[in-house]
């Protein structure tokens, strides 16, 4: 008898009443694949991970009768070490979009999303990485500093004479849009960004280097903002929401061009519960789960058919993915970053540590 098609299997799995009967579709044999246990890796305690737990993890546990353990923080180097040592304890990992494009089939395995393949923004889905969250890199300013004369565009972030004060960025990963923001702040049109002129972007950052706070984690950046240690920030939209929720309501967005990046879910090569991990990723990628996550996290829904109902006024204030902001969204070029990530990260690291 012919095996059930992947598309049909996804439709069956969408119903919680029969979800427990659904098996993995990638055919990969993995130790413990029949176990109802899963280790999910995210970025640590906070609004973002809480939203994943509420929208994905708990509903999947209930539907599957499974137990999900949350580990973290997400760390590509640690994942690499696990796989190379053949000692993998992680099943699903939330990571950046370009890691699986560089390491598909070696450090992470292919994921079959079946009929969901067309449900993501163009260019975001790769064979080993399934989009789970969209992020806009927002320019925000501290209204306690600038009062009724606030910055109005990205150029102001890089102009310490007109707008003196400390700037804070997340410095561990240049792929989130920092370089694109610098170039657009220097007058480069969004449709002329690529190939990125990395040297020019770093020279733009040179203008504010003495006023720049380089945060190694998103948590540190959030603390700097809430604690009023900075006056302006380039911050991803999900963290902007966290800042407001944590009491930093004096921080206001500037709606200039917004670089858009995304995170993906991956399955490490040799994951102990790879079949269940495949099911989990298909489940969390459904429109309902995608919308539920967006409603709680401040990130954009990865499934284009999701219809999140954003009711929190704080979230609405920094929602880079509302219809009125669609025209200013500037998606990063995944192909360029995949080909040039290593050397660009090296250049960025030299600059930030120099």
Foldseek 3Di string as FASTA:
>chain_A
DDDDALQVLLVQCLDLVCVQVGWFDPPDDAAPQVAQEAEEEEQDDDLQVVLCCVLFVVVVCVSNVHYYHYDDHADPVVLVVCQVVLNDAHFKYKFFQQVCVQQEPHFFYFFDLDPLPPFFPPPRDDRFWAFQFKWWFFKKFQCVQQPPNDDAALLVVLDCVVPPWAEEEAQQACPQCQLVSQVVSVPDDLVRCPPPPLVSSLVSVVSCVVRYDHHPDLVRRLCCQLVVVTGIYGHIQLSQLRSVVVPNVSMATHQAAIEMTTITMGGTVNHNNNTVSSSSRSNCLDQSSQLSSCLRGLTHRRGNPHDHDNDDVSSVRRNCPDPVNVVRYRYDDNVSCNVCVVVSSVVSVVSVVD
